[in-house]
Protein backbone atom coordinates (compact mmCIF):
# COMPACT_ATOMS: atom_id res chain seq x y z
CA UNK A 1 -12.50 37.49 -8.91
CA UNK A 2 -10.43 37.54 -12.06
CA UNK A 3 -7.42 39.36 -10.54
CA UNK A 4 -6.50 39.77 -6.87
CA UNK A 5 -3.79 42.28 -5.94
CA UNK A 6 -2.51 42.06 -2.37
CA UNK A 7 -0.65 45.23 -1.35
CA UNK A 8 1.93 44.79 1.40
CA UNK A 9 5.70 45.31 1.25
CA UNK A 10 5.29 44.05 -2.33
CA UNK A 11 2.45 44.03 -4.84
CA UNK A 12 1.47 40.35 -4.96
CA UNK A 13 -1.10 39.28 -7.53
CA UNK A 14 -3.16 36.21 -8.39
CA UNK A 15 -4.71 36.02 -11.85
CA UNK A 16 -6.83 33.25 -13.30
CA UNK A 17 -8.79 32.80 -16.49
CA UNK A 18 -9.99 29.84 -18.53
CA UNK A 19 -6.59 29.57 -20.22
CA UNK A 20 -4.11 30.21 -17.40
CA UNK A 21 -3.45 30.92 -13.76
CA UNK A 22 -0.60 33.20 -12.64
CA UNK A 23 0.81 34.12 -9.23
CA UNK A 24 3.62 36.64 -9.12
CA UNK A 25 4.72 40.11 -7.99
CA UNK A 26 4.51 43.46 -9.78
CA UNK A 27 8.03 44.85 -9.55
CA UNK A 28 7.56 48.10 -11.47
CA UNK A 29 4.81 50.29 -12.86
CA UNK A 30 5.72 49.06 -16.33
CA UNK A 31 5.08 45.48 -15.17
CA UNK A 32 1.56 46.51 -14.21
CA UNK A 33 0.86 48.18 -17.56
CA UNK A 34 2.26 45.25 -19.52
CA UNK A 35 0.17 42.78 -17.53
CA UNK A 36 -3.11 44.63 -18.13
CA UNK A 37 -2.24 44.98 -21.80
CA UNK A 38 -1.49 41.28 -22.27
CA UNK A 39 -4.28 39.84 -20.10
CA UNK A 40 -8.03 40.33 -20.06
CA UNK A 41 -8.88 41.58 -16.59
CA UNK A 42 -12.63 41.69 -15.96
CA UNK A 43 -12.65 42.27 -12.19
CA UNK A 44 -10.01 43.46 -9.75
CA UNK A 45 -10.03 42.83 -6.00
CA UNK A 46 -7.63 45.20 -4.27
CA UNK A 47 -6.67 44.01 -0.77
CA UNK A 48 -4.66 46.22 1.60
CA UNK A 49 -2.51 44.57 4.28
CA UNK A 50 -2.43 45.77 7.88
CA UNK A 51 0.84 47.82 7.46
CA UNK A 52 -0.91 49.98 4.85
CA UNK A 53 -4.01 50.56 7.00
CA UNK A 54 -4.09 53.24 9.70
CA UNK A 55 -6.14 51.98 12.68
CA UNK A 56 -7.36 54.23 15.48
CA UNK A 57 -9.85 53.83 18.37
CA UNK A 58 -12.27 56.60 19.35
CA UNK A 59 -14.75 56.84 22.22
CA UNK A 60 -17.89 59.01 22.25
CA UNK A 61 -20.09 59.87 25.28
CA UNK A 62 -23.27 58.91 23.39
CA UNK A 63 -24.61 55.92 21.47
CA UNK A 64 -26.24 57.37 18.35
CA UNK A 65 -24.42 56.16 15.22
CA UNK A 66 -25.94 58.95 13.11
CA UNK A 67 -24.52 61.57 15.47
CA UNK A 68 -21.13 59.85 15.37
CA UNK A 69 -21.11 59.94 11.57
CA UNK A 70 -21.78 63.71 11.70
CA UNK A 71 -18.96 64.57 14.10
CA UNK A 72 -16.44 61.97 12.91
CA UNK A 73 -14.93 64.05 10.06
CA UNK A 74 -13.85 66.72 12.54
CA UNK A 75 -12.90 64.27 15.32
CA UNK A 76 -10.68 62.21 12.99
CA UNK A 77 -8.84 65.20 11.50
CA UNK A 78 -5.90 65.00 13.92
CA UNK A 79 -5.65 61.23 14.33
CA UNK A 80 -3.38 60.40 11.41
CA UNK A 81 0.13 61.45 10.29
CA UNK A 82 -1.37 62.55 6.93
CA UNK A 83 -4.38 64.85 6.40
CA UNK A 84 -7.66 62.95 6.85
CA UNK A 85 -8.86 64.33 3.51
CA UNK A 86 -6.15 62.25 1.81
CA UNK A 87 -7.50 59.02 3.31
CA UNK A 88 -10.36 56.70 2.48
CA UNK A 89 -11.81 56.15 5.96
CA UNK A 90 -14.03 53.33 7.25
CA UNK A 91 -15.44 52.84 10.74
CA UNK A 92 -17.66 50.60 12.80
CA UNK A 93 -18.69 50.32 16.49
CA UNK A 94 -16.83 47.76 18.62
CA UNK A 95 -18.61 48.53 21.91
CA UNK A 96 -21.92 50.26 22.39
CA UNK A 97 -23.65 51.26 25.63
CA UNK A 98 -26.38 53.76 26.53
CA UNK A 99 -23.94 56.55 27.38
CA UNK A 100 -20.79 55.44 25.59
CA UNK A 101 -19.76 54.07 22.20
CA UNK A 102 -16.29 52.93 21.14
CA UNK A 103 -15.50 52.73 17.43
CA UNK A 104 -12.60 51.53 15.32
CA UNK A 105 -11.65 53.77 12.40
CA UNK A 106 -9.51 52.48 9.53
CA UNK A 107 -7.82 54.61 6.87
CA UNK A 108 -6.14 53.87 3.53
CA UNK A 109 -4.26 56.52 1.58
CA UNK A 110 -6.47 57.58 -1.31
CA UNK A 111 -3.51 57.91 -3.71
CA UNK A 112 -2.94 54.16 -3.44
CA UNK A 113 -6.51 53.58 -4.63
CA UNK A 114 -6.55 56.29 -7.31
CA UNK A 115 -3.62 54.66 -9.08
CA UNK A 116 -5.73 51.55 -9.75
CA UNK A 117 -8.82 53.60 -10.55
CA UNK A 118 -6.90 55.16 -13.45
CA UNK A 119 -6.16 51.66 -14.75
CA UNK A 120 -9.84 50.83 -14.35
CA UNK A 121 -10.75 53.76 -16.62
CA UNK A 122 -8.21 52.67 -19.24
CA UNK A 123 -8.81 48.90 -19.27
CA UNK A 124 -12.52 48.81 -18.34
CA UNK A 125 -12.81 46.36 -15.45
CA UNK A 126 -14.79 46.34 -12.22
CA UNK A 127 -12.96 46.97 -8.95
CA UNK A 128 -13.57 46.14 -5.29
CA UNK A 129 -11.56 47.17 -2.24
CA UNK A 130 -10.94 44.87 0.70
CA UNK A 131 -8.88 44.95 3.88
CA UNK A 132 -6.73 42.06 5.06
CA UNK A 133 -8.31 41.92 8.57
CA UNK A 134 -11.77 41.24 7.15
CA UNK A 135 -10.56 38.65 4.63
CA UNK A 136 -8.74 36.68 7.33
CA UNK A 137 -11.60 36.72 9.85
CA UNK A 138 -14.06 35.72 7.11
CA UNK A 139 -11.86 32.70 6.40
CA UNK A 140 -11.57 31.76 10.08
CA UNK A 141 -15.35 32.06 10.57
CA UNK A 142 -15.79 29.24 8.04
CA UNK A 143 -13.72 26.82 10.15
CA UNK A 144 -14.47 27.66 13.81
CA UNK A 145 -17.56 28.53 15.86
CA UNK A 146 -15.85 30.79 18.45
CA UNK A 147 -16.78 34.48 18.43
CA UNK A 148 -13.92 35.62 20.69
CA UNK A 149 -10.31 34.80 19.86
CA UNK A 150 -6.84 36.11 19.08
CA UNK A 151 -5.88 35.52 15.44
CA UNK A 152 -2.21 35.36 14.37
CA UNK A 153 -1.65 35.28 10.60
CA UNK A 154 1.76 33.96 9.51
CA UNK A 155 2.99 34.53 5.95
CA UNK A 156 6.74 33.80 5.90
CA UNK A 157 8.35 36.76 7.75
CA UNK A 158 5.10 38.75 7.91
CA UNK A 159 2.97 38.52 11.07
CA UNK A 160 -0.44 40.12 11.67
CA UNK A 161 -2.32 39.85 14.96
CA UNK A 162 -6.04 40.59 15.44
CA UNK A 163 -8.15 40.48 18.60
CA UNK A 164 -11.74 39.53 17.82
CA UNK A 165 -14.64 39.95 20.24
CA UNK A 166 -18.21 38.98 19.31
CA UNK A 167 -16.91 38.34 15.77
CA UNK A 168 -15.75 41.97 15.50
CA UNK A 169 -12.10 43.05 15.21
CA UNK A 170 -11.30 45.36 18.13
CA UNK A 171 -7.47 45.53 17.99
CA UNK A 172 -4.78 44.84 15.39
CA UNK A 173 -1.03 45.00 14.84
CA UNK A 174 1.55 43.72 12.35
CA UNK A 175 5.29 43.37 11.91
CA UNK A 176 8.00 41.85 9.74
CA UNK A 177 10.18 39.39 11.65
CA UNK A 178 13.82 38.76 11.04
CA UNK A 179 14.82 35.11 10.35
CA UNK A 180 14.54 32.91 13.43
CA UNK A 181 12.34 35.32 15.41
CA UNK A 182 9.03 33.48 14.91
CA UNK A 183 9.53 31.22 17.96
CA UNK A 184 10.23 34.26 20.14
CA UNK A 185 7.13 36.04 18.79
CA UNK A 186 4.91 33.02 19.49
CA UNK A 187 6.37 32.68 22.98
CA UNK A 188 5.49 36.32 23.71
CA UNK A 189 1.97 35.69 22.39
CA UNK A 190 1.69 32.62 24.61
CA UNK A 191 2.71 34.62 27.69
CA UNK A 192 0.19 37.40 27.11
CA UNK A 193 -2.40 37.70 29.88
CA UNK A 194 -5.50 36.96 27.84
CA UNK A 195 -8.38 34.56 28.29
CA UNK A 196 -8.91 34.37 24.54
CA UNK A 197 -7.96 31.25 22.58
CA UNK A 198 -5.09 31.87 20.14
CA UNK A 199 -5.57 30.76 16.54
CA UNK A 200 -2.57 30.44 14.22
CA UNK A 201 -3.47 30.82 10.56
CA UNK A 202 -0.87 30.05 7.94
CA UNK A 203 1.61 27.38 6.98
CA UNK A 204 1.64 24.19 9.12
CA UNK A 205 3.08 24.81 12.59
CA UNK A 206 4.07 21.78 14.63
CA UNK A 207 5.93 20.74 17.76
CA UNK A 208 6.69 23.33 20.41
CA UNK A 209 5.59 26.18 18.12
CA UNK A 210 2.01 24.91 17.96
CA UNK A 211 1.66 24.10 21.66
CA UNK A 212 -1.26 25.85 23.40
CA UNK A 213 -2.48 27.22 20.06
CA UNK A 214 -5.23 26.19 17.72
CA UNK A 215 -3.62 25.85 14.30
CA UNK A 216 -5.48 26.32 11.04
CA UNK A 217 -2.90 25.12 8.54
CA UNK A 218 -3.03 25.86 4.86
CA UNK A 219 -0.52 24.26 2.53
CA UNK A 220 1.01 26.64 0.00
CA UNK A 221 2.10 25.40 -3.40
CA UNK A 222 5.58 26.16 -4.73
CA UNK A 223 4.13 28.76 -7.11
CA UNK A 224 2.10 30.49 -4.39
CA UNK A 225 3.67 33.88 -3.57
CA UNK A 226 1.51 34.64 -0.51
CA UNK A 227 -0.41 32.61 2.05
CA UNK A 228 -3.40 34.91 1.44
CA UNK A 229 -3.74 33.47 -2.06
CA UNK A 230 -3.70 29.94 -0.62
CA UNK A 231 -6.79 30.91 1.37
CA UNK A 232 -8.54 32.08 -1.80
CA UNK A 233 -7.64 28.81 -3.49
CA UNK A 234 -9.45 26.98 -0.67
CA UNK A 235 -12.45 29.35 -0.76
CA UNK A 236 -12.60 31.04 -4.21
CA UNK A 237 -15.65 33.10 -3.16
CA UNK A 238 -14.13 34.33 0.11
CA UNK A 239 -15.85 37.67 0.95
CA UNK A 240 -13.76 40.84 1.16
CA UNK A 241 -16.13 42.68 3.51
CA UNK A 242 -17.05 41.66 7.07
CA UNK A 243 -20.39 40.19 8.12
CA UNK A 244 -21.08 43.29 10.23
CA UNK A 245 -21.82 46.72 8.73
CA UNK A 246 -19.02 49.21 8.18
CA UNK A 247 -19.47 52.92 7.41
CA UNK A 248 -17.56 55.46 5.34
CA UNK A 249 -16.42 58.82 6.70
CA UNK A 250 -17.84 61.32 4.26
CA UNK A 251 -16.72 64.90 3.79
CA UNK A 252 -19.21 67.37 2.32
CA UNK A 253 -18.20 68.62 -1.11
CA UNK A 254 -19.75 71.48 -3.09
CA UNK A 255 -19.26 71.81 -6.85
CA UNK A 256 -18.78 75.47 -7.86
CA UNK A 257 -18.52 76.94 -11.34
CA UNK A 258 -15.07 78.45 -12.15
CA UNK A 259 -16.82 81.59 -13.48
CA UNK A 260 -18.60 82.02 -10.16
CA UNK A 261 -15.32 81.57 -8.28
CA UNK A 262 -13.68 84.27 -10.44
CA UNK A 263 -16.60 86.67 -9.89
CA UNK A 264 -16.51 86.12 -6.13
CA UNK A 265 -12.72 86.71 -6.09
CA UNK A 266 -13.12 90.02 -7.98
CA UNK A 267 -15.90 91.12 -5.65
CA UNK A 268 -13.91 90.22 -2.56
CA UNK A 269 -10.85 92.01 -3.95
CA UNK A 270 -12.78 95.25 -4.48
CA UNK A 271 -14.52 94.93 -1.11
CA UNK A 272 -11.18 94.25 0.57
CA UNK A 273 -9.68 97.46 -0.81
CA UNK A 274 -12.70 99.52 0.28
CA UNK A 275 -12.94 98.08 3.78
CA UNK A 276 -9.24 97.51 4.41
CA UNK A 277 -8.87 100.33 7.01
CA UNK A 278 -11.79 98.91 8.98
CA UNK A 279 -10.42 95.35 8.90
CA UNK A 280 -6.91 96.49 9.82
CA UNK A 281 -8.21 98.40 12.83
CA UNK A 282 -10.39 95.49 13.84
CA UNK A 283 -7.50 93.05 13.37
CA UNK A 284 -5.22 94.99 15.71
CA UNK A 285 -8.04 95.46 18.21
CA UNK A 286 -8.57 91.70 18.26
CA UNK A 287 -4.84 91.23 18.86
CA UNK A 288 -4.98 93.65 21.77
CA UNK A 289 -8.04 91.89 23.19
CA UNK A 290 -6.35 88.52 22.79
CA UNK A 291 -3.21 89.72 24.60
CA UNK A 292 -5.36 91.17 27.38
CA UNK A 293 -7.21 87.86 27.76
CA UNK A 294 -3.94 85.95 27.86
CA UNK A 295 -2.55 88.33 30.47
CA UNK A 296 -5.67 87.94 32.58
CA UNK A 297 -5.61 84.13 32.28
CA UNK A 298 -1.92 84.06 33.19
CA UNK A 299 -2.58 86.37 36.14
CA UNK A 300 -5.45 84.19 37.43
CA UNK A 301 -3.30 81.06 37.08
CA UNK A 302 -0.41 82.71 38.92
CA UNK A 303 -2.51 84.40 41.63
CA UNK A 304 -5.67 82.29 42.16
CA UNK A 305 -6.42 84.05 45.45
CA UNK A 306 -7.19 87.36 43.69
CA UNK A 307 -10.92 87.40 42.95
CA UNK A 308 -11.12 90.65 40.95
CA UNK A 309 -8.81 91.49 38.06
CA UNK A 310 -8.63 95.19 37.08
CA UNK A 311 -5.11 95.71 35.72
CA UNK A 312 -3.15 92.41 35.56
CA UNK A 313 0.26 94.09 35.15
CA UNK A 314 -0.03 96.43 38.13
CA UNK A 315 -1.75 93.80 40.30
CA UNK A 316 0.97 91.24 39.41
CA UNK A 317 3.70 93.69 40.49
CA UNK A 318 1.98 94.30 43.81
CA UNK A 319 1.45 90.60 44.47
CA UNK A 320 5.05 89.82 43.58
CA UNK A 321 6.23 92.46 46.05
CA UNK A 322 3.95 91.10 48.75
CA UNK A 323 5.04 87.49 48.13
CA UNK A 324 8.76 88.46 48.05
CA UNK A 325 9.17 87.68 44.34
CA UNK A 326 7.59 84.22 44.31
CA UNK A 327 5.84 83.65 41.00
CA UNK A 328 4.23 80.83 39.13
CA UNK A 329 5.06 80.26 35.51
CA UNK A 330 2.68 78.36 33.31
CA UNK A 331 4.59 75.36 31.95
CA UNK A 332 4.92 75.24 28.24
CA UNK A 333 6.27 72.52 26.00
CA UNK A 334 9.53 73.54 24.30
CA UNK A 335 10.03 71.89 20.92
CA UNK A 336 13.74 72.77 21.00
CA UNK A 337 14.19 70.97 24.34
CA UNK A 338 12.38 67.91 22.95
CA UNK A 339 14.64 67.82 19.87
CA UNK A 340 17.70 68.29 22.08
CA UNK A 341 16.64 65.41 24.32
CA UNK A 342 16.05 63.12 21.34
CA UNK A 343 19.51 63.89 19.92
CA UNK A 344 21.05 62.96 23.29
CA UNK A 345 19.20 59.71 24.07
CA UNK A 346 19.70 57.92 20.73
CA UNK A 347 23.24 56.45 20.49
CA UNK A 348 25.35 57.94 17.70
CA UNK A 349 26.23 54.51 16.29
CA UNK A 350 22.57 53.74 15.50
CA UNK A 351 21.21 55.15 12.20
CA UNK A 352 18.18 57.23 13.14
CA UNK A 353 16.29 59.93 11.28
CA UNK A 354 13.00 61.74 11.96
CA UNK A 355 11.09 62.56 8.77
CA UNK A 356 8.02 64.03 10.43
CA UNK A 357 7.29 65.47 13.87
CA UNK A 358 3.88 66.55 15.16
CA UNK A 359 3.15 67.98 18.62
CA UNK A 360 -0.40 68.48 19.88
CA UNK A 361 -0.56 69.44 23.54
CA UNK A 362 1.34 66.66 25.32
CA UNK A 363 0.96 64.20 22.43
CA UNK A 364 4.10 63.83 20.31
CA UNK A 365 4.07 61.95 16.99
CA UNK A 366 7.32 60.97 15.23
CA UNK A 367 7.75 59.30 11.84
CA UNK A 368 11.17 57.68 12.05
CA UNK A 369 13.69 55.85 9.89
CA UNK A 370 16.39 53.32 10.77
CA UNK A 371 18.02 50.27 9.18
CA UNK A 372 16.97 47.18 11.19
CA UNK A 373 14.09 45.96 13.35
CA UNK A 374 16.57 45.46 16.19
CA UNK A 375 17.37 49.17 16.11
CA UNK A 376 13.63 49.97 16.21
CA UNK A 377 13.47 48.17 19.57
CA UNK A 378 16.66 49.87 20.85
CA UNK A 379 15.41 53.33 19.85
CA UNK A 380 11.96 52.80 21.41
CA UNK A 381 13.63 51.59 24.62
CA UNK A 382 15.79 54.74 24.71
CA UNK A 383 12.60 56.82 24.64
CA UNK A 384 10.96 54.71 27.36
CA UNK A 385 13.94 55.18 29.70
CA UNK A 386 13.83 58.98 29.43
CA UNK A 387 11.96 60.93 32.12
CA UNK A 388 10.75 63.44 29.54
CA UNK A 389 8.65 60.78 27.74
CA UNK A 390 6.00 58.30 28.85
CA UNK A 391 3.47 55.99 27.21
CA UNK A 392 5.80 55.29 24.28
CA UNK A 393 4.04 53.24 21.59
CA UNK A 394 5.56 51.85 18.39
CA UNK A 395 3.47 51.31 15.25
CA UNK A 396 3.40 51.35 11.46
CA UNK A 397 6.61 49.34 11.12
CA UNK A 398 7.41 48.85 7.43
CA UNK A 399 10.57 47.91 5.50
CA UNK A 400 11.24 50.03 2.45
CA UNK A 401 14.31 50.10 0.16
CA UNK A 402 16.53 48.34 2.70
CA UNK A 403 15.39 50.61 5.55
CA UNK A 404 12.73 50.46 8.26
CA UNK A 405 10.14 53.19 8.74
CA UNK A 406 8.11 53.29 11.94
CA UNK A 407 5.99 55.63 14.05
CA UNK A 408 6.40 56.64 17.70
CA UNK A 409 3.43 57.96 19.73
CA UNK A 410 4.67 59.59 22.95
CA UNK A 411 3.32 61.52 25.95
CA UNK A 412 5.44 64.48 27.09
CA UNK A 413 6.14 64.62 30.85
CA UNK A 414 7.81 67.11 33.21
CA UNK A 415 8.65 69.65 30.48
CA UNK A 416 10.30 72.87 31.59
CA UNK A 417 10.74 76.19 29.76
């Protein structure tokens, strides 16, 4: 590996050739262009850290991996805050039984990869893509014999945690700690109810910090900008991919001639004009049918004792008269009430902004922005203490330009119209 680029909150890089060895950080796009112009890069290893990797768990009621690969493009479409087509997706099974299979799916934004692919075309070098979780577990596997453990990677204020079972990563998380918070983080890890041994990987940890943990220390030189590069200095040929097989999520693509597309558009335009009256009539008929179905479904939900539905409106009036006006209303989630609740529960003195909101059934996804990690905890606690929300989960925490972006995954409870 001639050049290793480690993408995290910064773009760390390690370059070595026969003449020199450099470790530094790419600050700007111009820095990247200047570096490739001045240095002969023959191979690039692009490693994405946990904060830049979307991780989701899916469960299927069957065990066939081929069948999973066929349905996964559709099943993964709603899992991520960005369209799945904009991600490079990888997956592998973490648990497999006769009637059930659990998989872990990992996604990296394709635009982050395409940027380096353009450089590859210009400067003619080979390129490989790796993920931090696999690099770290490959390193640990060279020093221990255990197949089940909890791995905590410490790189200054960056912490990544991975749960490994049968040498396969089944859970992961990461965060950036404020100064002095490492001891508190390790104490929380120590108090977790887990039978797995905890392995600390990083700079030497001694005294109370290292108690009850197995420490794999790696000294970092003064010029070393990331602990990950110290691992590569110990094992220059450290693999980027795991020992087990991982699969890509593939979307079917069909190449079509522009001339054919134009001809089809002209044909469809002419056909649309000719058959417009028919389609308009059919469109409105489908609307009427849809409204009738909705009315019937609402009637059956409101009056389950009625076995035969002839005219929902008239029958509903009669049943309401007979039941002295008692009626059942199908609960529906009100986005306005959710937004109103959020504006009330977050204190005004805490900077808080929602850049993206997605509601699917009772699942609410929020992409949020604040200024400190402490406020992330305060905001998430505000959501947990509200009756409207349950199952509040915090993820994707990332500092950017002096601010903190993070995601909230929430279940909606007890919503009224």
